[in-house]
Amino acid sequence: MARLIGENGMFVTWGGSAGPKSDDMAKTIHETLAKAFPHTVAWICHPQAYGTSWLTFAGSFSPIEPLKLTSSAIDAYIDRNVSGDLKLYDGITHMHMFNLPKDVRRKL
C-alpha cells in the first residue's frame, strides 16, 4: 500500500475497538503501519451505534500533526467551510480524539 501513496498522501485504516479484548489486533495494525510509514497517528472516536470506542490509524510519508491545530482553529475552519451544524464534531471533540487515554497509549 505504501508504494501507491504519494509523498503527501495518507493511508487510513480502522484499528478495532479500544477495549481490552482487541489490544493485540490494534497493536499489530499500528506496528504494521509504523513499519510502512515514517509518520503515523492514532485517534479514537465513539460511534453512537456501536456503544464502544474505536481506533483509527493513519500513516504518511509527511508529518501528521493533528494536535498542532487548536480547538478554536478547528471551530473557525468549520464555521468557514461547513454550512449547517455538525452534531458530532467540533474543536473540543478533535482534541479528545487525538489525545488517546493512557491505557490505550501504553498498549500501542
C-alpha atoms as a PDB file:
ATOM      1  CA  MET A   1       0.000   0.000   0.000  1.00  0.00           C
ATOM      2  CA  ALA A   2       2.796   2.437   0.851  1.00  0.00           C
ATOM      3  CA  ARG A   3       4.092   2.259  -2.743  1.00  0.00           C
ATOM      4  CA  LEU A   4       0.748   3.525  -4.057  1.00  0.00           C
ATOM      5  CA  ILE A   5       0.576   6.592  -1.842  1.00  0.00           C
ATOM      6  CA  GLY A   6       2.226   9.804  -2.980  1.00  0.00           C
ATOM      7  CA  GLU A   7       4.529  11.993  -0.930  1.00  0.00           C
ATOM      8  CA  ASN A   8       1.619  13.992   0.506  1.00  0.00           C
ATOM      9  CA  GLY A   9      -0.861  11.119   0.609  1.00  0.00           C
ATOM     10  CA  MET A  10      -2.153   9.294   3.639  1.00  0.00           C
ATOM     11  CA  PHE A  11      -3.305   5.725   4.294  1.00  0.00           C
ATOM     12  CA  VAL A  12      -6.120   5.484   6.851  1.00  0.00           C
ATOM     13  CA  THR A  13      -7.447   2.248   8.319  1.00  0.00           C
ATOM     14  CA  TRP A  14      -9.757   1.032  11.042  1.00  0.00           C
ATOM     15  CA  GLY A  15      -7.870  -0.226  14.088  1.00  0.00           C
ATOM     16  CA  GLY A  16     -10.501  -2.093  16.058  1.00  0.00           C
ATOM     17  CA  SER A  17     -12.200  -1.255  19.305  1.00  0.00           C
ATOM     18  CA  ALA A  18     -10.248   0.428  22.087  1.00  0.00           C
ATOM     19  CA  GLY A  19     -11.327  -2.212  24.579  1.00  0.00           C
ATOM     20  CA  PRO A  20      -9.179  -4.824  26.313  1.00  0.00           C
ATOM     21  CA  LYS A  21     -10.336  -7.674  24.068  1.00  0.00           C
ATOM     22  CA  SER A  22      -8.844  -6.131  20.922  1.00  0.00           C
ATOM     23  CA  ASP A  23      -5.480  -4.920  22.265  1.00  0.00           C
ATOM     24  CA  ASP A  24      -3.391  -7.378  20.281  1.00  0.00           C
ATOM     25  CA  MET A  25      -5.138  -6.653  16.994  1.00  0.00           C
ATOM     26  CA  ALA A  26      -4.871  -2.864  17.399  1.00  0.00           C
ATOM     27  CA  LYS A  27      -1.210  -3.119  18.379  1.00  0.00           C
ATOM     28  CA  THR A  28      -0.445  -5.312  15.355  1.00  0.00           C
ATOM     29  CA  ILE A  29      -2.192  -2.912  12.975  1.00  0.00           C
ATOM     30  CA  HIS A  30      -0.362   0.056  14.494  1.00  0.00           C
ATOM     31  CA  GLU A  31       3.048  -1.663  14.353  1.00  0.00           C
ATOM     32  CA  THR A  32       2.481  -2.752  10.743  1.00  0.00           C
ATOM     33  CA  LEU A  33       1.601   0.784   9.726  1.00  0.00           C
ATOM     34  CA  ALA A  34       4.678   2.140  11.534  1.00  0.00           C
ATOM     35  CA  LYS A  35       6.897  -0.237   9.523  1.00  0.00           C
ATOM     36  CA  ALA A  36       5.486   1.050   6.235  1.00  0.00           C
ATOM     37  CA  PHE A  37       5.325   4.790   7.013  1.00  0.00           C
ATOM     38  CA  PRO A  38       7.677   7.136   8.894  1.00  0.00           C
ATOM     39  CA  HIS A  39       4.752   9.138  10.301  1.00  0.00           C
ATOM     40  CA  THR A  40       1.737   7.555  11.990  1.00  0.00           C
ATOM     41  CA  VAL A  41      -1.090   8.772  14.175  1.00  0.00           C
ATOM     42  CA  ALA A  42      -3.924   7.086  16.032  1.00  0.00           C
ATOM     43  CA  TRP A  43      -7.243   8.532  17.069  1.00  0.00           C
ATOM     44  CA  ILE A  44     -10.264   7.407  18.984  1.00  0.00           C
ATOM     45  CA  CYS A  45     -13.951   8.048  18.447  1.00  0.00           C
ATOM     46  CA  HIS A  46     -17.152   6.763  19.953  1.00  0.00           C
ATOM     47  CA  PRO A  47     -19.695   5.941  17.218  1.00  0.00           C
ATOM     48  CA  GLN A  48     -23.080   6.041  18.910  1.00  0.00           C
ATOM     49  CA  ALA A  49     -24.306   2.936  17.076  1.00  0.00           C
ATOM     50  CA  TYR A  50     -21.597   0.618  18.437  1.00  0.00           C
ATOM     51  CA  GLY A  51     -21.546   1.520  22.119  1.00  0.00           C
ATOM     52  CA  THR A  52     -17.750   1.376  22.360  1.00  0.00           C
ATOM     53  CA  SER A  53     -14.768   3.475  21.354  1.00  0.00           C
ATOM     54  CA  TRP A  54     -12.986   2.693  18.094  1.00  0.00           C
ATOM     55  CA  LEU A  55      -9.420   3.316  16.985  1.00  0.00           C
ATOM     56  CA  THR A  56      -8.393   4.583  13.578  1.00  0.00           C
ATOM     57  CA  PHE A  57      -4.805   4.762  12.320  1.00  0.00           C
ATOM     58  CA  ALA A  58      -3.164   6.825   9.594  1.00  0.00           C
ATOM     59  CA  GLY A  59       0.273   6.556   8.021  1.00  0.00           C
ATOM     60  CA  SER A  60       2.067   9.004   5.760  1.00  0.00           C
ATOM     61  CA  PHE A  61       5.444   9.962   4.345  1.00  0.00           C
ATOM     62  CA  SER A  62       4.761  13.531   5.510  1.00  0.00           C
ATOM     63  CA  PRO A  63       4.274  14.593   9.140  1.00  0.00           C
ATOM     64  CA  ILE A  64       0.763  14.176  10.556  1.00  0.00           C
ATOM     65  CA  GLU A  65       0.236  16.669  13.358  1.00  0.00           C
ATOM     66  CA  PRO A  66      -3.448  16.951  14.258  1.00  0.00           C
ATOM     67  CA  LEU A  67      -2.693  18.479  17.660  1.00  0.00           C
ATOM     68  CA  LYS A  68      -0.903  21.473  16.142  1.00  0.00           C
ATOM     69  CA  LEU A  69      -4.374  22.862  15.492  1.00  0.00           C
ATOM     70  CA  THR A  70      -6.100  24.450  18.450  1.00  0.00           C
ATOM     71  CA  SER A  71      -9.701  23.799  19.358  1.00  0.00           C
ATOM     72  CA  SER A  72     -10.610  27.338  18.301  1.00  0.00           C
ATOM     73  CA  ALA A  73      -8.790  26.917  14.959  1.00  0.00           C
ATOM     74  CA  ILE A  74     -10.844  23.780  14.247  1.00  0.00           C
ATOM     75  CA  ASP A  75     -14.062  25.622  15.126  1.00  0.00           C
ATOM     76  CA  ALA A  76     -13.095  28.566  12.898  1.00  0.00           C
ATOM     77  CA  TYR A  77     -12.355  26.201   9.995  1.00  0.00           C
ATOM     78  CA  ILE A  78     -15.730  24.514  10.438  1.00  0.00           C
ATOM     79  CA  ASP A  79     -17.501  27.890  10.538  1.00  0.00           C
ATOM     80  CA  ARG A  80     -15.823  28.944   7.276  1.00  0.00           C
ATOM     81  CA  ASN A  81     -16.252  25.684   5.378  1.00  0.00           C
ATOM     82  CA  VAL A  82     -19.339  23.860   6.635  1.00  0.00           C
ATOM     83  CA  SER A  83     -22.872  25.057   6.169  1.00  0.00           C
ATOM     84  CA  GLY A  84     -25.185  23.877   8.910  1.00  0.00           C
ATOM     85  CA  ASP A  85     -24.454  22.428  12.317  1.00  0.00           C
ATOM     86  CA  LEU A  86     -22.176  19.437  12.895  1.00  0.00           C
ATOM     87  CA  LYS A  87     -23.675  17.211  15.571  1.00  0.00           C
ATOM     88  CA  LEU A  88     -20.655  15.066  16.434  1.00  0.00           C
ATOM     89  CA  TYR A  89     -17.507  17.089  15.729  1.00  0.00           C
ATOM     90  CA  ASP A  90     -16.010  20.384  16.888  1.00  0.00           C
ATOM     91  CA  GLY A  91     -12.701  21.658  18.197  1.00  0.00           C
ATOM     92  CA  ILE A  92     -13.066  20.093  21.639  1.00  0.00           C
ATOM     93  CA  THR A  93     -14.024  16.752  20.090  1.00  0.00           C
ATOM     94  CA  HIS A  94     -10.935  16.958  17.852  1.00  0.00           C
ATOM     95  CA  MET A  95      -8.683  17.414  20.898  1.00  0.00           C
ATOM     96  CA  HIS A  96     -10.281  14.413  22.601  1.00  0.00           C
ATOM     97  CA  MET A  97      -9.928  12.221  19.517  1.00  0.00           C
ATOM     98  CA  PHE A  98      -6.169  12.732  19.237  1.00  0.00           C
ATOM     99  CA  ASN A  99      -5.346  12.619  22.966  1.00  0.00           C
ATOM    100  CA  LEU A 100      -5.637   8.883  23.497  1.00  0.00           C
ATOM    101  CA  PRO A 101      -6.349   7.573  27.001  1.00  0.00           C
ATOM    102  CA  LYS A 102      -3.289   6.404  28.940  1.00  0.00           C
ATOM    103  CA  ASP A 103      -4.195   2.712  28.842  1.00  0.00           C
ATOM    104  CA  VAL A 104      -4.616   2.804  25.055  1.00  0.00           C
ATOM    105  CA  ARG A 105      -1.307   4.659  24.542  1.00  0.00           C
ATOM    106  CA  ARG A 106       0.513   2.100  26.684  1.00  0.00           C
ATOM    107  CA  LYS A 107      -0.897  -0.825  24.733  1.00  0.00           C
ATOM    108  CA  LEU A 108       0.031   0.605  21.356  1.00  0.00           C
END
